[in-house]
């Protein structure tokens, strides 16, 4: 098969395809993209809205439990260090530091 034969086949197919089908496909595609743009705009505007009281209290509870967990890991690291398990102490310290970084806003 050479390129001339392929081009001839393409032209034959274009003759068989109705222009209305191509237009309706393009309209459907544009309608879909318009719908997606509108949906994304709604999503962005919803994410900017202030948090409700329930969500804020949930975030406060989450922050407190993360702080408590970080303190527990620090305590366990100190206890492991006293027992001579340096590897476990390093791991617990790392966990505690990661949780504290998370609370500070780092990820």
C-alpha atoms as a PDB file:
ATOM      1  CA  UNK A   1       0.000   0.000   0.000  1.00  0.00           C
ATOM      2  CA  UNK A   2       1.409   3.310  -0.999  1.00  0.00           C
ATOM      3  CA  UNK A   3       0.453   6.773   0.113  1.00  0.00           C
ATOM      4  CA  UNK A   4      -1.552   7.509  -3.065  1.00  0.00           C
ATOM      5  CA  UNK A   5      -3.780   4.500  -2.475  1.00  0.00           C
ATOM      6  CA  UNK A   6      -4.310   5.489   1.159  1.00  0.00           C
ATOM      7  CA  UNK A   7      -5.147   9.060   0.141  1.00  0.00           C
ATOM      8  CA  UNK A   8      -7.636   7.777  -2.455  1.00  0.00           C
ATOM      9  CA  UNK A   9      -9.291   5.592   0.194  1.00  0.00           C
ATOM     10  CA  UNK A  10      -9.521   8.551   2.544  1.00  0.00           C
ATOM     11  CA  UNK A  11     -11.224  10.657  -0.150  1.00  0.00           C
ATOM     12  CA  UNK A  12     -13.706   7.856  -0.843  1.00  0.00           C
ATOM     13  CA  UNK A  13     -14.546   7.646   2.856  1.00  0.00           C
ATOM     14  CA  UNK A  14     -15.034  11.420   3.026  1.00  0.00           C
ATOM     15  CA  UNK A  15     -17.580  11.175   0.216  1.00  0.00           C
ATOM     16  CA  UNK A  16     -19.511   8.511   2.136  1.00  0.00           C
ATOM     17  CA  UNK A  17     -19.595  10.394   5.424  1.00  0.00           C
ATOM     18  CA  UNK A  18     -22.353  12.933   5.635  1.00  0.00           C
ATOM     19  CA  UNK A  19     -21.323  16.483   6.652  1.00  0.00           C
ATOM     20  CA  UNK A  20     -24.243  16.549   9.117  1.00  0.00           C
ATOM     21  CA  UNK A  21     -22.650  13.708  11.069  1.00  0.00           C
ATOM     22  CA  UNK A  22     -19.389  15.601  11.322  1.00  0.00           C
ATOM     23  CA  UNK A  23     -21.198  18.756  12.445  1.00  0.00           C
ATOM     24  CA  UNK A  24     -23.248  16.895  15.057  1.00  0.00           C
ATOM     25  CA  UNK A  25     -20.094  15.207  16.382  1.00  0.00           C
ATOM     26  CA  UNK A  26     -18.333  18.562  16.660  1.00  0.00           C
ATOM     27  CA  UNK A  27     -21.363  20.100  18.378  1.00  0.00           C
ATOM     28  CA  UNK A  28     -21.538  17.211  20.836  1.00  0.00           C
ATOM     29  CA  UNK A  29     -17.831  17.566  21.592  1.00  0.00           C
ATOM     30  CA  UNK A  30     -18.167  21.329  22.125  1.00  0.00           C
ATOM     31  CA  UNK A  31     -21.224  20.809  24.322  1.00  0.00           C
ATOM     32  CA  UNK A  32     -19.276  18.318  26.434  1.00  0.00           C
ATOM     33  CA  UNK A  33     -16.336  20.712  26.839  1.00  0.00           C
ATOM     34  CA  UNK A  34     -18.694  23.563  27.767  1.00  0.00           C
ATOM     35  CA  UNK A  35     -20.336  21.341  30.380  1.00  0.00           C
ATOM     36  CA  UNK A  36     -16.940  20.349  31.822  1.00  0.00           C
ATOM     37  CA  UNK A  37     -15.796  23.989  31.979  1.00  0.00           C
ATOM     38  CA  UNK A  38     -18.970  24.958  33.836  1.00  0.00           C
ATOM     39  CA  UNK A  39     -18.588  22.033  36.238  1.00  0.00           C
ATOM     40  CA  UNK A  40     -14.961  22.929  36.976  1.00  0.00           C
ATOM     41  CA  UNK A  41     -15.887  26.585  37.527  1.00  0.00           C
ATOM     42  CA  UNK A  42     -18.572  25.485  40.014  1.00  0.00           C
ATOM     43  CA  UNK A  43     -16.064  23.216  41.762  1.00  0.00           C
ATOM     44  CA  UNK A  44     -13.514  26.027  42.107  1.00  0.00           C
ATOM     45  CA  UNK A  45     -16.103  28.447  43.467  1.00  0.00           C
ATOM     46  CA  UNK A  46     -17.251  25.831  46.001  1.00  0.00           C
ATOM     47  CA  UNK A  47     -13.708  25.200  47.177  1.00  0.00           C
ATOM     48  CA  UNK A  48     -13.222  28.919  47.860  1.00  0.00           C
ATOM     49  CA  UNK A  49     -16.311  29.128  50.072  1.00  0.00           C
ATOM     50  CA  UNK A  50     -15.560  29.458  53.806  1.00  0.00           C
ATOM     51  CA  UNK A  51     -15.686  26.276  55.841  1.00  0.00           C
ATOM     52  CA  UNK A  52     -18.861  25.566  57.728  1.00  0.00           C
ATOM     53  CA  UNK A  53     -18.796  25.287  61.508  1.00  0.00           C
ATOM     54  CA  UNK A  54     -18.955  21.497  61.396  1.00  0.00           C
ATOM     55  CA  UNK A  55     -15.979  21.260  59.059  1.00  0.00           C
ATOM     56  CA  UNK A  56     -13.979  23.692  61.177  1.00  0.00           C
ATOM     57  CA  UNK A  57     -14.637  21.692  64.334  1.00  0.00           C
ATOM     58  CA  UNK A  58     -13.608  18.513  62.512  1.00  0.00           C
ATOM     59  CA  UNK A  59     -10.369  20.180  61.469  1.00  0.00           C
ATOM     60  CA  UNK A  60      -9.733  21.328  65.039  1.00  0.00           C
ATOM     61  CA  UNK A  61     -10.301  17.779  66.287  1.00  0.00           C
ATOM     62  CA  UNK A  62      -7.965  16.425  63.615  1.00  0.00           C
ATOM     63  CA  UNK A  63      -5.265  18.910  64.589  1.00  0.00           C
ATOM     64  CA  UNK A  64      -5.597  17.968  68.258  1.00  0.00           C
ATOM     65  CA  UNK A  65      -5.382  14.255  67.543  1.00  0.00           C
ATOM     66  CA  UNK A  66      -2.302  14.770  65.335  1.00  0.00           C
ATOM     67  CA  UNK A  67      -0.666  16.790  68.128  1.00  0.00           C
ATOM     68  CA  UNK A  68      -1.504  14.039  70.613  1.00  0.00           C
ATOM     69  CA  UNK A  69      -0.072  11.379  68.293  1.00  0.00           C
ATOM     70  CA  UNK A  70       3.126  13.392  67.782  1.00  0.00           C
ATOM     71  CA  UNK A  71       3.550  13.671  71.561  1.00  0.00           C
ATOM     72  CA  UNK A  72       2.996   9.921  71.927  1.00  0.00           C
ATOM     73  CA  UNK A  73       5.690   9.193  69.335  1.00  0.00           C
ATOM     74  CA  UNK A  74       8.095  11.568  71.106  1.00  0.00           C
ATOM     75  CA  UNK A  75       7.415   9.826  74.405  1.00  0.00           C
ATOM     76  CA  UNK A  76       7.904   6.390  72.812  1.00  0.00           C
ATOM     77  CA  UNK A  77      11.132   7.575  71.174  1.00  0.00           C
ATOM     78  CA  UNK A  78      12.465   8.730  74.532  1.00  0.00           C
ATOM     79  CA  UNK A  79      11.463   5.438  76.180  1.00  0.00           C
ATOM     80  CA  UNK A  80      13.081   3.415  73.369  1.00  0.00           C
ATOM     81  CA  UNK A  81      16.230   5.489  73.719  1.00  0.00           C
ATOM     82  CA  UNK A  82      16.349   4.741  77.453  1.00  0.00           C
ATOM     83  CA  UNK A  83      16.001   1.015  76.744  1.00  0.00           C
ATOM     84  CA  UNK A  84      18.860   1.226  74.239  1.00  0.00           C
ATOM     85  CA  UNK A  85      16.822   0.597  71.087  1.00  0.00           C
ATOM     86  CA  UNK A  86      18.306   3.385  68.952  1.00  0.00           C
ATOM     87  CA  UNK A  87      16.695   2.254  65.683  1.00  0.00           C
ATOM     88  CA  UNK A  88      13.196   2.370  67.120  1.00  0.00           C
ATOM     89  CA  UNK A  89      13.945   5.724  68.779  1.00  0.00           C
ATOM     90  CA  UNK A  90      15.060   7.206  65.438  1.00  0.00           C
ATOM     91  CA  UNK A  91      11.941   5.917  63.697  1.00  0.00           C
ATOM     92  CA  UNK A  92       9.621   7.294  66.379  1.00  0.00           C
ATOM     93  CA  UNK A  93      11.428  10.641  66.324  1.00  0.00           C
ATOM     94  CA  UNK A  94      11.055  10.754  62.541  1.00  0.00           C
ATOM     95  CA  UNK A  95       7.303  10.063  62.829  1.00  0.00           C
ATOM     96  CA  UNK A  96       6.926  12.789  65.443  1.00  0.00           C
ATOM     97  CA  UNK A  97       8.874  15.292  63.325  1.00  0.00           C
ATOM     98  CA  UNK A  98       6.794  14.481  60.241  1.00  0.00           C
ATOM     99  CA  UNK A  99       3.571  15.015  62.178  1.00  0.00           C
ATOM    100  CA  UNK A 100       4.832  18.322  63.578  1.00  0.00           C
ATOM    101  CA  UNK A 101       5.802  19.449  60.068  1.00  0.00           C
ATOM    102  CA  UNK A 102       2.306  18.529  58.916  1.00  0.00           C
ATOM    103  CA  UNK A 103       0.809  20.677  61.676  1.00  0.00           C
ATOM    104  CA  UNK A 104       3.022  23.601  60.666  1.00  0.00           C
ATOM    105  CA  UNK A 105       1.677  23.375  57.117  1.00  0.00           C
ATOM    106  CA  UNK A 106       4.520  21.512  55.462  1.00  0.00           C
ATOM    107  CA  UNK A 107       3.958  18.267  53.669  1.00  0.00           C
END
